[in-house]
N, C-alpha and C. Protein backbone atom coordinates (compact mmCIF):
# COMPACT_ATOMS: atom_id res chain seq x y z
N MET A 1 16.41 17.83 240.28
CA MET A 1 16.66 18.86 239.29
C MET A 1 15.88 20.11 239.67
N ILE A 2 16.47 21.27 239.41
CA ILE A 2 15.75 22.52 239.59
C ILE A 2 15.65 23.23 238.24
N LYS A 3 14.57 23.98 238.09
CA LYS A 3 14.30 24.74 236.87
C LYS A 3 13.98 26.16 237.31
N ILE A 4 14.65 27.16 236.72
CA ILE A 4 14.47 28.55 237.12
C ILE A 4 14.07 29.37 235.90
N ASN A 5 12.97 30.13 236.04
CA ASN A 5 12.43 30.99 234.98
C ASN A 5 12.61 32.45 235.41
N ARG A 6 13.21 33.27 234.55
CA ARG A 6 13.36 34.69 234.87
C ARG A 6 12.30 35.49 234.14
N SER A 7 11.74 36.46 234.84
CA SER A 7 10.68 37.30 234.28
C SER A 7 11.23 38.24 233.20
N THR A 8 10.33 38.97 232.58
CA THR A 8 10.70 39.85 231.47
C THR A 8 10.75 41.32 231.87
N SER A 9 10.95 41.62 233.14
CA SER A 9 10.93 43.01 233.59
C SER A 9 12.04 43.83 232.93
N TYR A 10 11.81 45.13 232.87
CA TYR A 10 12.73 46.05 232.21
C TYR A 10 14.03 46.23 233.00
N ALA A 11 13.92 46.21 234.33
CA ALA A 11 15.12 46.40 235.16
C ALA A 11 16.13 45.30 234.87
N ASP A 12 17.38 45.67 234.79
CA ASP A 12 18.48 44.73 234.54
C ASP A 12 18.29 43.98 233.23
N LYS A 13 17.68 44.62 232.28
CA LYS A 13 17.33 44.00 230.99
C LYS A 13 18.51 43.31 230.31
N ILE A 14 19.68 43.92 230.37
CA ILE A 14 20.83 43.34 229.67
C ILE A 14 21.82 42.67 230.61
N ARG A 15 21.44 42.48 231.86
CA ARG A 15 22.35 41.89 232.84
C ARG A 15 21.85 40.54 233.32
N ALA A 16 22.77 39.68 233.68
CA ALA A 16 22.43 38.35 234.19
C ALA A 16 22.48 38.34 235.71
N TYR A 17 21.64 37.51 236.30
CA TYR A 17 21.66 37.30 237.75
C TYR A 17 22.45 36.04 238.05
N LYS A 18 23.24 36.06 239.10
CA LYS A 18 23.94 34.86 239.54
C LYS A 18 22.99 34.01 240.38
N ILE A 19 23.00 32.73 240.14
CA ILE A 19 22.19 31.79 240.91
C ILE A 19 23.11 31.17 241.96
N ILE A 20 22.80 31.41 243.22
CA ILE A 20 23.63 30.92 244.32
C ILE A 20 22.91 29.77 245.00
N LEU A 21 23.54 28.60 244.99
CA LEU A 21 22.98 27.41 245.64
C LEU A 21 23.98 26.96 246.69
N ASP A 22 23.54 26.93 247.94
CA ASP A 22 24.40 26.51 249.05
C ASP A 22 25.71 27.31 249.07
N ASN A 23 25.59 28.62 248.89
CA ASN A 23 26.71 29.57 248.93
C ASN A 23 27.75 29.38 247.82
N GLU A 24 27.38 28.70 246.74
CA GLU A 24 28.26 28.53 245.58
C GLU A 24 27.50 29.00 244.34
N CYS A 25 28.20 29.66 243.43
CA CYS A 25 27.56 30.13 242.20
C CYS A 25 27.30 28.94 241.28
N LEU A 26 26.03 28.68 241.03
CA LEU A 26 25.62 27.56 240.19
C LEU A 26 25.64 27.93 238.71
N GLY A 27 25.42 29.21 238.43
CA GLY A 27 25.37 29.69 237.05
C GLY A 27 24.71 31.05 237.00
N GLU A 28 24.36 31.49 235.82
CA GLU A 28 23.70 32.78 235.63
C GLU A 28 22.42 32.60 234.82
N ILE A 29 21.52 33.56 234.98
CA ILE A 29 20.27 33.53 234.22
C ILE A 29 20.01 34.92 233.65
N LYS A 30 19.68 34.98 232.37
CA LYS A 30 19.40 36.23 231.68
C LYS A 30 17.90 36.46 231.55
N ARG A 31 17.53 37.65 231.11
CA ARG A 31 16.13 38.03 230.92
C ARG A 31 15.43 37.04 229.98
N LYS A 32 14.23 36.64 230.34
CA LYS A 32 13.37 35.71 229.58
C LYS A 32 13.97 34.31 229.44
N GLU A 33 14.95 34.00 230.24
CA GLU A 33 15.63 32.71 230.11
C GLU A 33 15.10 31.71 231.13
N THR A 34 15.18 30.44 230.78
CA THR A 34 14.87 29.34 231.70
C THR A 34 16.11 28.47 231.77
N ARG A 35 16.56 28.18 232.99
CA ARG A 35 17.75 27.35 233.19
C ARG A 35 17.38 26.13 234.01
N GLU A 36 18.03 25.02 233.73
CA GLU A 36 17.84 23.78 234.49
C GLU A 36 19.19 23.31 235.01
N PHE A 37 19.18 22.81 236.25
CA PHE A 37 20.40 22.33 236.88
C PHE A 37 20.10 21.05 237.64
N GLU A 38 21.02 20.12 237.57
CA GLU A 38 20.94 18.92 238.40
C GLU A 38 21.47 19.29 239.77
N VAL A 39 20.77 18.86 240.82
CA VAL A 39 21.23 19.09 242.19
C VAL A 39 21.22 17.76 242.93
N THR A 40 22.04 17.68 243.94
CA THR A 40 22.09 16.46 244.74
C THR A 40 20.86 16.36 245.62
N GLU A 41 20.53 15.17 246.01
CA GLU A 41 19.40 14.96 246.91
C GLU A 41 19.74 15.53 248.28
N GLY A 42 18.77 16.20 248.89
CA GLY A 42 18.97 16.75 250.22
C GLY A 42 18.48 18.18 250.34
N LYS A 43 18.82 18.80 251.45
CA LYS A 43 18.39 20.16 251.77
C LYS A 43 19.33 21.17 251.12
N HIS A 44 18.73 22.20 250.51
CA HIS A 44 19.51 23.24 249.83
C HIS A 44 18.93 24.62 250.14
N THR A 45 19.76 25.65 249.92
CA THR A 45 19.33 27.04 250.01
C THR A 45 19.69 27.72 248.70
N ILE A 46 18.73 28.44 248.14
CA ILE A 46 18.95 29.12 246.86
C ILE A 46 18.59 30.60 246.99
N TYR A 47 19.37 31.45 246.30
CA TYR A 47 19.03 32.86 246.16
C TYR A 47 19.73 33.41 244.93
N LEU A 48 19.41 34.64 244.57
CA LEU A 48 19.99 35.30 243.40
C LEU A 48 20.83 36.48 243.85
N LYS A 49 21.77 36.87 242.99
CA LYS A 49 22.65 37.98 243.33
C LYS A 49 23.01 38.75 242.07
N ILE A 50 23.07 40.08 242.21
CA ILE A 50 23.60 40.95 241.17
C ILE A 50 24.34 42.08 241.89
N ASP A 51 25.61 42.23 241.61
CA ASP A 51 26.47 43.19 242.31
C ASP A 51 26.35 42.97 243.82
N TRP A 52 25.99 44.00 244.57
CA TRP A 52 25.86 43.88 246.02
C TRP A 52 24.41 43.59 246.45
N CYS A 53 23.51 43.46 245.51
CA CYS A 53 22.10 43.22 245.82
C CYS A 53 21.76 41.74 245.71
N LYS A 54 20.75 41.32 246.49
CA LYS A 54 20.37 39.91 246.54
C LYS A 54 18.85 39.76 246.51
N SER A 55 18.44 38.51 246.49
CA SER A 55 17.02 38.16 246.63
C SER A 55 16.82 37.54 248.00
N ASN A 56 15.58 37.21 248.27
CA ASN A 56 15.26 36.41 249.45
C ASN A 56 15.89 35.03 249.28
N LYS A 57 16.08 34.33 250.39
CA LYS A 57 16.62 32.97 250.34
C LYS A 57 15.48 31.97 250.51
N ILE A 58 15.56 30.86 249.79
CA ILE A 58 14.56 29.80 249.91
C ILE A 58 15.27 28.51 250.25
N GLU A 59 14.80 27.86 251.30
CA GLU A 59 15.30 26.53 251.64
C GLU A 59 14.34 25.50 251.06
N PHE A 60 14.89 24.44 250.48
CA PHE A 60 14.05 23.40 249.90
C PHE A 60 14.77 22.06 250.00
N TYR A 61 14.00 21.01 249.85
CA TYR A 61 14.55 19.66 249.85
C TYR A 61 14.38 19.07 248.46
N ALA A 62 15.47 18.62 247.89
CA ALA A 62 15.44 18.03 246.54
C ALA A 62 15.57 16.52 246.64
N SER A 63 14.78 15.83 245.85
CA SER A 63 14.94 14.38 245.73
C SER A 63 15.18 14.04 244.26
N SER A 64 15.66 12.85 244.02
CA SER A 64 16.07 12.47 242.66
C SER A 64 14.91 12.29 241.68
N ASP A 65 13.69 12.18 242.19
CA ASP A 65 12.55 11.91 241.31
C ASP A 65 11.62 13.10 241.14
N GLU A 66 12.15 14.34 241.28
CA GLU A 66 11.29 15.51 241.13
C GLU A 66 12.03 16.67 240.47
N VAL A 67 11.24 17.55 239.88
CA VAL A 67 11.76 18.81 239.33
C VAL A 67 11.13 19.92 240.16
N ILE A 68 11.96 20.78 240.73
CA ILE A 68 11.47 21.91 241.52
C ILE A 68 11.64 23.15 240.66
N GLU A 69 10.52 23.86 240.44
CA GLU A 69 10.53 25.02 239.55
C GLU A 69 10.45 26.31 240.36
N PHE A 70 11.26 27.29 239.95
CA PHE A 70 11.30 28.60 240.59
C PHE A 70 11.05 29.68 239.54
N ASP A 71 10.42 30.78 239.97
CA ASP A 71 10.32 31.99 239.16
C ASP A 71 11.16 33.04 239.85
N CYS A 72 11.76 33.95 239.07
CA CYS A 72 12.59 34.99 239.67
C CYS A 72 12.51 36.27 238.83
N GLY A 73 12.98 37.35 239.43
CA GLY A 73 12.99 38.63 238.72
C GLY A 73 13.44 39.76 239.62
N SER A 74 13.27 40.97 239.14
CA SER A 74 13.63 42.17 239.88
C SER A 74 12.40 42.76 240.55
N SER A 75 12.60 43.30 241.74
CA SER A 75 11.51 43.98 242.45
C SER A 75 11.24 45.36 241.86
N ILE A 76 12.15 45.84 241.02
CA ILE A 76 12.03 47.17 240.42
C ILE A 76 11.16 47.08 239.16
N SER A 77 9.87 47.31 239.33
CA SER A 77 8.95 47.33 238.19
C SER A 77 7.80 48.27 238.51
N GLY A 78 7.18 48.78 237.47
CA GLY A 78 6.05 49.69 237.66
C GLY A 78 6.45 50.91 238.47
N TRP A 79 5.62 51.26 239.44
CA TRP A 79 5.86 52.44 240.26
C TRP A 79 7.10 52.29 241.15
N ARG A 80 7.56 51.06 241.38
CA ARG A 80 8.75 50.86 242.21
C ARG A 80 10.02 51.37 241.54
N THR A 81 9.94 51.64 240.23
CA THR A 81 11.08 52.21 239.52
C THR A 81 11.49 53.53 240.18
N LEU A 82 10.52 54.24 240.74
CA LEU A 82 10.81 55.50 241.43
C LEU A 82 11.61 55.29 242.70
N LEU A 83 11.64 54.05 243.21
CA LEU A 83 12.34 53.74 244.45
C LEU A 83 13.67 53.02 244.21
N SER A 84 14.19 53.09 243.02
CA SER A 84 15.41 52.36 242.66
C SER A 84 16.55 52.64 243.63
N PHE A 85 16.77 53.90 243.97
CA PHE A 85 17.87 54.25 244.88
C PHE A 85 17.69 53.59 246.24
N ILE A 86 16.46 53.55 246.73
CA ILE A 86 16.19 52.91 248.03
C ILE A 86 16.45 51.41 247.95
N TYR A 87 16.07 50.79 246.84
CA TYR A 87 16.30 49.35 246.68
C TYR A 87 17.78 48.99 246.60
N ILE A 88 18.61 49.83 245.97
CA ILE A 88 20.03 49.47 245.85
C ILE A 88 20.84 49.88 247.08
N THR A 89 20.22 50.58 248.02
CA THR A 89 20.93 50.95 249.25
C THR A 89 20.32 50.25 250.46
N PHE A 90 19.15 50.68 250.86
CA PHE A 90 18.55 50.18 252.10
C PHE A 90 17.85 48.84 251.94
N LEU A 91 17.31 48.56 250.78
CA LEU A 91 16.59 47.30 250.54
C LEU A 91 17.36 46.37 249.60
N LYS A 92 18.68 46.40 249.71
CA LYS A 92 19.52 45.64 248.78
C LYS A 92 19.28 44.13 248.81
N ASN A 93 18.77 43.61 249.93
CA ASN A 93 18.47 42.18 250.01
C ASN A 93 17.07 41.85 249.51
N LYS A 94 16.37 42.87 248.99
CA LYS A 94 15.04 42.66 248.40
C LYS A 94 14.99 43.18 246.96
N TYR A 95 16.13 43.54 246.43
CA TYR A 95 16.20 44.07 245.06
C TYR A 95 15.72 43.02 244.06
N LEU A 96 16.08 41.76 244.28
CA LEU A 96 15.63 40.65 243.45
C LEU A 96 14.66 39.79 244.25
N TRP A 97 13.90 38.95 243.55
CA TRP A 97 13.00 38.02 244.24
C TRP A 97 13.09 36.65 243.56
N ILE A 98 12.82 35.64 244.36
CA ILE A 98 12.72 34.27 243.86
C ILE A 98 11.63 33.58 244.65
N LYS A 99 10.82 32.77 243.97
CA LYS A 99 9.77 32.03 244.66
C LYS A 99 9.64 30.64 244.04
N MET A 100 9.29 29.69 244.89
CA MET A 100 9.10 28.33 244.40
C MET A 100 7.75 28.26 243.72
N LYS A 101 7.75 27.77 242.50
CA LYS A 101 6.52 27.68 241.72
C LYS A 101 5.80 26.36 242.00
N ASN A 102 6.51 25.26 241.81
CA ASN A 102 5.91 23.96 242.09
C ASN A 102 6.95 22.86 242.07
N LYS A 103 6.53 21.70 242.53
CA LYS A 103 7.36 20.50 242.47
C LYS A 103 6.64 19.50 241.60
N VAL A 104 7.36 18.88 240.68
CA VAL A 104 6.77 17.87 239.81
C VAL A 104 7.48 16.55 240.08
N ILE A 105 6.70 15.56 240.48
CA ILE A 105 7.25 14.23 240.72
C ILE A 105 7.39 13.52 239.37
N LEU A 106 8.56 13.00 239.10
CA LEU A 106 8.81 12.30 237.82
C LEU A 106 8.38 10.86 237.88
């Protein structure tokens, strides 16, 4: 199982991010939301997408007896708000971020 927590940043406040697992849309996540998904055992790749912008990709191995937790959000916060145009054009694959928080063995 995977668990994904989205941050409370102002950017994309009213928009949902698509959760892409192994090149298939697994679902969407909204601001301040936590989503849980069952995944098959084995190696997977996860990233987020909104319009033409993406996050970094993370490869992980899932087993049936653990919960893998991720945090995610927008890179556009604080002073980076001034760089919004650069993020949606030249840094479009870094507009969003996702990181593995921890693995919990059940």
